[in-house]
Amino acid sequence: MDYNLIHADNSEDQKILNTVTDLKKDIFDKILKTFEEQYNGWKVMNIFERQWVFRDFKKNMGQSAEQVLEKLREIDNYIKMNDCPPAIG
């Protein structure tokens, strides 16, 4: 009993799936671009501001800004390959 829940054989279903995939890519591109812009802005701050921002970021996020940027780029690569990213942890 398949009930056609898993397969997107219908061309309309495939169009919807493609639209969702494209939307996911567009949204994540914006997220990554925004974070990269913020990160690059933090890197050019004077040393005291930069240390405070990065320390505060790590305190609140549980990971350094570099680790988060690396993970976002990894997820972006998976999305572009239409693959499922590994769990974030």
C-alpha atoms as a PDB file:
ATOM      1  CA  MET A   1       0.000   0.000   0.000  1.00  0.00           C
ATOM      2  CA  ASP A   2       1.931   2.982  -1.302  1.00  0.00           C
ATOM      3  CA  TYR A   3      -0.887   5.549  -1.418  1.00  0.00           C
ATOM      4  CA  ASN A   4       1.477   7.618  -3.605  1.00  0.00           C
ATOM      5  CA  LEU A   5       2.687   9.534  -0.538  1.00  0.00           C
ATOM      6  CA  ILE A   6       6.395   9.151  -1.199  1.00  0.00           C
ATOM      7  CA  HIS A   7       6.664   9.414  -4.971  1.00  0.00           C
ATOM      8  CA  ALA A   8       6.083  12.651  -6.832  1.00  0.00           C
ATOM      9  CA  ASP A   9       5.113  11.035 -10.141  1.00  0.00           C
ATOM     10  CA  ASN A  10       2.493  13.642 -10.894  1.00  0.00           C
ATOM     11  CA  SER A  11       3.976  16.514 -12.885  1.00  0.00           C
ATOM     12  CA  GLU A  12       2.121  19.031 -10.700  1.00  0.00           C
ATOM     13  CA  ASP A  13       3.646  17.454  -7.587  1.00  0.00           C
ATOM     14  CA  GLN A  14       7.081  17.639  -9.191  1.00  0.00           C
ATOM     15  CA  LYS A  15       6.573  21.330 -10.015  1.00  0.00           C
ATOM     16  CA  ILE A  16       5.662  22.018  -6.397  1.00  0.00           C
ATOM     17  CA  LEU A  17       8.671  20.045  -5.174  1.00  0.00           C
ATOM     18  CA  ASN A  18      10.972  21.979  -7.525  1.00  0.00           C
ATOM     19  CA  THR A  19       9.477  25.295  -6.400  1.00  0.00           C
ATOM     20  CA  VAL A  20      10.003  24.412  -2.735  1.00  0.00           C
ATOM     21  CA  THR A  21      13.584  23.328  -3.456  1.00  0.00           C
ATOM     22  CA  ASP A  22      14.311  26.575  -5.314  1.00  0.00           C
ATOM     23  CA  LEU A  23      12.735  28.603  -2.505  1.00  0.00           C
ATOM     24  CA  LYS A  24      14.828  26.744   0.069  1.00  0.00           C
ATOM     25  CA  LYS A  25      17.981  27.577  -1.896  1.00  0.00           C
ATOM     26  CA  ASP A  26      17.021  31.248  -2.246  1.00  0.00           C
ATOM     27  CA  ILE A  27      16.209  31.645   1.437  1.00  0.00           C
ATOM     28  CA  PHE A  28      19.362  29.920   2.592  1.00  0.00           C
ATOM     29  CA  ASP A  29      21.476  31.995   0.190  1.00  0.00           C
ATOM     30  CA  LYS A  30      20.097  35.118   1.893  1.00  0.00           C
ATOM     31  CA  ILE A  31      20.817  33.703   5.354  1.00  0.00           C
ATOM     32  CA  LEU A  32      24.391  32.791   4.425  1.00  0.00           C
ATOM     33  CA  LYS A  33      25.042  36.118   2.695  1.00  0.00           C
ATOM     34  CA  THR A  34      23.724  38.072   5.692  1.00  0.00           C
ATOM     35  CA  PHE A  35      25.830  36.102   8.160  1.00  0.00           C
ATOM     36  CA  GLU A  36      28.950  36.444   5.995  1.00  0.00           C
ATOM     37  CA  GLU A  37      28.421  40.210   5.776  1.00  0.00           C
ATOM     38  CA  GLN A  38      27.999  40.458   9.548  1.00  0.00           C
ATOM     39  CA  TYR A  39      31.006  38.229  10.192  1.00  0.00           C
ATOM     40  CA  ASN A  40      33.208  40.266   7.849  1.00  0.00           C
ATOM     41  CA  GLY A  41      32.028  43.444   9.567  1.00  0.00           C
ATOM     42  CA  TRP A  42      32.954  42.033  12.960  1.00  0.00           C
ATOM     43  CA  LYS A  43      36.430  41.134  11.712  1.00  0.00           C
ATOM     44  CA  VAL A  44      37.247  44.761  10.847  1.00  0.00           C
ATOM     45  CA  MET A  45      36.183  46.178  14.228  1.00  0.00           C
ATOM     46  CA  ASN A  46      38.862  47.413  16.578  1.00  0.00           C
ATOM     47  CA  ILE A  47      40.341  44.640  18.697  1.00  0.00           C
ATOM     48  CA  PHE A  48      38.325  45.339  21.859  1.00  0.00           C
ATOM     49  CA  GLU A  49      34.966  45.503  20.081  1.00  0.00           C
ATOM     50  CA  ARG A  50      35.839  42.431  18.026  1.00  0.00           C
ATOM     51  CA  GLN A  51      36.812  40.396  21.096  1.00  0.00           C
ATOM     52  CA  TRP A  52      33.625  41.429  22.876  1.00  0.00           C
ATOM     53  CA  VAL A  53      31.387  40.580  19.884  1.00  0.00           C
ATOM     54  CA  PHE A  54      33.017  37.186  19.287  1.00  0.00           C
ATOM     55  CA  ARG A  55      32.986  36.318  23.000  1.00  0.00           C
ATOM     56  CA  ASP A  56      29.334  37.342  23.310  1.00  0.00           C
ATOM     57  CA  PHE A  57      28.459  35.409  20.155  1.00  0.00           C
ATOM     58  CA  LYS A  58      30.071  32.224  21.465  1.00  0.00           C
ATOM     59  CA  LYS A  59      28.433  32.656  24.872  1.00  0.00           C
ATOM     60  CA  ASN A  60      24.970  32.960  23.311  1.00  0.00           C
ATOM     61  CA  MET A  61      25.348  30.484  20.445  1.00  0.00           C
ATOM     62  CA  GLY A  62      27.487  27.836  22.118  1.00  0.00           C
ATOM     63  CA  GLN A  63      29.846  27.892  19.122  1.00  0.00           C
ATOM     64  CA  SER A  64      32.289  30.411  17.762  1.00  0.00           C
ATOM     65  CA  ALA A  65      31.303  32.596  14.826  1.00  0.00           C
ATOM     66  CA  GLU A  66      33.899  30.750  12.727  1.00  0.00           C
ATOM     67  CA  GLN A  67      32.295  27.393  13.565  1.00  0.00           C
ATOM     68  CA  VAL A  68      28.836  28.696  12.699  1.00  0.00           C
ATOM     69  CA  LEU A  69      30.065  30.167   9.410  1.00  0.00           C
ATOM     70  CA  GLU A  70      31.747  26.869   8.528  1.00  0.00           C
ATOM     71  CA  LYS A  71      28.559  24.933   9.339  1.00  0.00           C
ATOM     72  CA  LEU A  72      26.397  27.338   7.296  1.00  0.00           C
ATOM     73  CA  ARG A  73      28.714  26.920   4.312  1.00  0.00           C
ATOM     74  CA  GLU A  74      28.575  23.142   4.724  1.00  0.00           C
ATOM     75  CA  ILE A  75      24.768  23.219   4.788  1.00  0.00           C
ATOM     76  CA  ASP A  76      24.781  25.496   1.732  1.00  0.00           C
ATOM     77  CA  ASN A  77      26.854  22.933  -0.169  1.00  0.00           C
ATOM     78  CA  TYR A  78      24.403  20.167   0.743  1.00  0.00           C
ATOM     79  CA  ILE A  79      21.440  22.281  -0.346  1.00  0.00           C
ATOM     80  CA  LYS A  80      23.083  23.059  -3.683  1.00  0.00           C
ATOM     81  CA  MET A  81      23.636  19.325  -4.220  1.00  0.00           C
ATOM     82  CA  ASN A  82      19.978  18.635  -3.272  1.00  0.00           C
ATOM     83  CA  ASP A  83      21.186  16.488  -0.411  1.00  0.00           C
ATOM     84  CA  CYS A  84      20.228  16.380   3.237  1.00  0.00           C
ATOM     85  CA  PRO A  85      22.734  18.102   5.550  1.00  0.00           C
ATOM     86  CA  PRO A  86      24.016  16.313   8.636  1.00  0.00           C
ATOM     87  CA  ALA A  87      22.552  17.208  12.007  1.00  0.00           C
ATOM     88  CA  ILE A  88      23.774  20.474  13.470  1.00  0.00           C
ATOM     89  CA  GLY A  89      25.436  19.959  16.787  1.00  0.00           C
END
